[in-house]
Amino acid sequence: MFGGTVFTRRPRSNDGELRPLEVHVVDGNVDRAIRILKREMGKEGILKTLKRKRFYEKPSDARKRKQSEALSRLRRSNRRRTQ
């Protein structure tokens, strides 16, 4: 559809360590490359982590956040099972 102008990949090295995320621009379509990069960063949770680490989070708040995230994951998986 887009002619293979932009692609992303995140291969693992031989020792299992992740390499940096790569976005290649072939036909000079930078806007598409930026959109794809943002989408890939969103999938990996990079932006969410950056926003969360912008300010100090108290340990009690971190526990509450992790519990609520786990609960939402559980609800989401239960919703998918019932459908």
C-alpha atoms as a PDB file:
ATOM      1  CA  MET A   1       0.000   0.000   0.000  1.00  0.00           C
ATOM      2  CA  PHE A   2       2.685   2.509   0.912  1.00  0.00           C
ATOM      3  CA  GLY A   3       5.296   0.971  -1.386  1.00  0.00           C
ATOM      4  CA  GLY A   4       7.728  -0.051   1.332  1.00  0.00           C
ATOM      5  CA  THR A   5       9.005   3.469   1.852  1.00  0.00           C
ATOM      6  CA  VAL A   6       9.190   3.212   5.625  1.00  0.00           C
ATOM      7  CA  PHE A   7       9.664   0.196   7.859  1.00  0.00           C
ATOM      8  CA  THR A   8      10.507  -0.448  11.466  1.00  0.00           C
ATOM      9  CA  ARG A   9      12.231  -3.340  13.111  1.00  0.00           C
ATOM     10  CA  ARG A  10      13.671  -4.052  16.500  1.00  0.00           C
ATOM     11  CA  PRO A  11      15.849  -7.143  16.232  1.00  0.00           C
ATOM     12  CA  ARG A  12      17.571  -8.846  19.107  1.00  0.00           C
ATOM     13  CA  SER A  13      21.316  -9.330  19.111  1.00  0.00           C
ATOM     14  CA  ASN A  14      22.914 -12.725  19.679  1.00  0.00           C
ATOM     15  CA  ASP A  15      23.051 -12.225  23.448  1.00  0.00           C
ATOM     16  CA  GLY A  16      19.308 -11.410  23.594  1.00  0.00           C
ATOM     17  CA  GLU A  17      19.752  -7.680  24.152  1.00  0.00           C
ATOM     18  CA  LEU A  18      17.360  -5.405  22.298  1.00  0.00           C
ATOM     19  CA  ARG A  19      18.792  -3.051  19.738  1.00  0.00           C
ATOM     20  CA  PRO A  20      17.483   0.485  19.263  1.00  0.00           C
ATOM     21  CA  LEU A  21      14.252   0.970  17.360  1.00  0.00           C
ATOM     22  CA  GLU A  22      14.954   1.799  13.716  1.00  0.00           C
ATOM     23  CA  VAL A  23      12.762   3.689  11.267  1.00  0.00           C
ATOM     24  CA  HIS A  24      14.102   3.899   7.729  1.00  0.00           C
ATOM     25  CA  VAL A  25      13.001   6.644   5.343  1.00  0.00           C
ATOM     26  CA  VAL A  26      13.540   5.672   1.728  1.00  0.00           C
ATOM     27  CA  ASP A  27      11.500   8.079  -0.397  1.00  0.00           C
ATOM     28  CA  GLY A  28      11.919  11.120   1.851  1.00  0.00           C
ATOM     29  CA  ASN A  29       8.525  10.677   3.497  1.00  0.00           C
ATOM     30  CA  VAL A  30       9.552  11.980   6.918  1.00  0.00           C
ATOM     31  CA  ASP A  31       6.013  12.615   8.176  1.00  0.00           C
ATOM     32  CA  ARG A  32       5.085   8.965   7.719  1.00  0.00           C
ATOM     33  CA  ALA A  33       8.311   7.901   9.436  1.00  0.00           C
ATOM     34  CA  ILE A  34       7.547  10.105  12.451  1.00  0.00           C
ATOM     35  CA  ARG A  35       4.022   8.686  12.712  1.00  0.00           C
ATOM     36  CA  ILE A  36       5.333   5.130  12.548  1.00  0.00           C
ATOM     37  CA  LEU A  37       8.016   5.910  15.125  1.00  0.00           C
ATOM     38  CA  LYS A  38       5.428   7.362  17.514  1.00  0.00           C
ATOM     39  CA  ARG A  39       3.185   4.337  17.029  1.00  0.00           C
ATOM     40  CA  GLU A  40       6.031   1.909  17.710  1.00  0.00           C
ATOM     41  CA  MET A  41       7.119   3.859  20.790  1.00  0.00           C
ATOM     42  CA  GLY A  42       3.538   3.775  22.029  1.00  0.00           C
ATOM     43  CA  LYS A  43       3.340   0.005  21.549  1.00  0.00           C
ATOM     44  CA  GLU A  44       6.513  -0.522  23.551  1.00  0.00           C
ATOM     45  CA  GLY A  45       5.404   1.843  26.317  1.00  0.00           C
ATOM     46  CA  ILE A  46       8.356   4.205  25.960  1.00  0.00           C
ATOM     47  CA  LEU A  47       6.269   7.397  26.038  1.00  0.00           C
ATOM     48  CA  LYS A  48       4.201   6.165  28.973  1.00  0.00           C
ATOM     49  CA  THR A  49       7.373   5.390  30.928  1.00  0.00           C
ATOM     50  CA  LEU A  50       8.884   8.786  30.138  1.00  0.00           C
ATOM     51  CA  LYS A  51       5.767  10.601  31.317  1.00  0.00           C
ATOM     52  CA  ARG A  52       5.628   8.524  34.474  1.00  0.00           C
ATOM     53  CA  LYS A  53       9.286   9.105  35.309  1.00  0.00           C
ATOM     54  CA  ARG A  54       9.102  12.844  34.714  1.00  0.00           C
ATOM     55  CA  PHE A  55       8.336  13.421  38.407  1.00  0.00           C
ATOM     56  CA  TYR A  56       9.075  11.491  41.574  1.00  0.00           C
ATOM     57  CA  GLU A  57       6.466   8.909  42.475  1.00  0.00           C
ATOM     58  CA  LYS A  58       6.051   7.880  46.075  1.00  0.00           C
ATOM     59  CA  PRO A  59       6.327   4.135  46.688  1.00  0.00           C
ATOM     60  CA  SER A  60       2.741   3.994  47.964  1.00  0.00           C
ATOM     61  CA  ASP A  61       1.518   5.729  44.787  1.00  0.00           C
ATOM     62  CA  ALA A  62       3.565   3.315  42.658  1.00  0.00           C
ATOM     63  CA  ARG A  63       1.938   0.358  44.425  1.00  0.00           C
ATOM     64  CA  LYS A  64      -1.533   1.798  43.845  1.00  0.00           C
ATOM     65  CA  ARG A  65      -0.749   2.462  40.184  1.00  0.00           C
ATOM     66  CA  LYS A  66       0.594  -1.057  39.637  1.00  0.00           C
ATOM     67  CA  GLN A  67      -2.464  -2.589  41.326  1.00  0.00           C
ATOM     68  CA  SER A  68      -4.850  -0.552  39.208  1.00  0.00           C
ATOM     69  CA  GLU A  69      -2.928  -1.449  36.020  1.00  0.00           C
ATOM     70  CA  ALA A  70      -3.058  -5.137  36.944  1.00  0.00           C
ATOM     71  CA  LEU A  71      -6.787  -4.885  37.612  1.00  0.00           C
ATOM     72  CA  SER A  72      -7.409  -3.210  34.263  1.00  0.00           C
ATOM     73  CA  ARG A  73      -5.345  -5.908  32.486  1.00  0.00           C
ATOM     74  CA  LEU A  74      -7.403  -8.580  34.247  1.00  0.00           C
ATOM     75  CA  ARG A  75     -10.690  -6.921  33.287  1.00  0.00           C
ATOM     76  CA  ARG A  76      -9.514  -6.533  29.699  1.00  0.00           C
ATOM     77  CA  SER A  77      -8.544 -10.203  29.437  1.00  0.00           C
ATOM     78  CA  ASN A  78     -11.871 -11.276  30.982  1.00  0.00           C
ATOM     79  CA  ARG A  79     -13.724  -9.095  28.490  1.00  0.00           C
ATOM     80  CA  ARG A  80     -11.849 -10.693  25.601  1.00  0.00           C
ATOM     81  CA  ARG A  81     -12.581 -14.189  26.898  1.00  0.00           C
ATOM     82  CA  THR A  82     -16.320 -13.566  27.136  1.00  0.00           C
ATOM     83  CA  GLN A  83     -16.583 -12.207  23.576  1.00  0.00           C
END
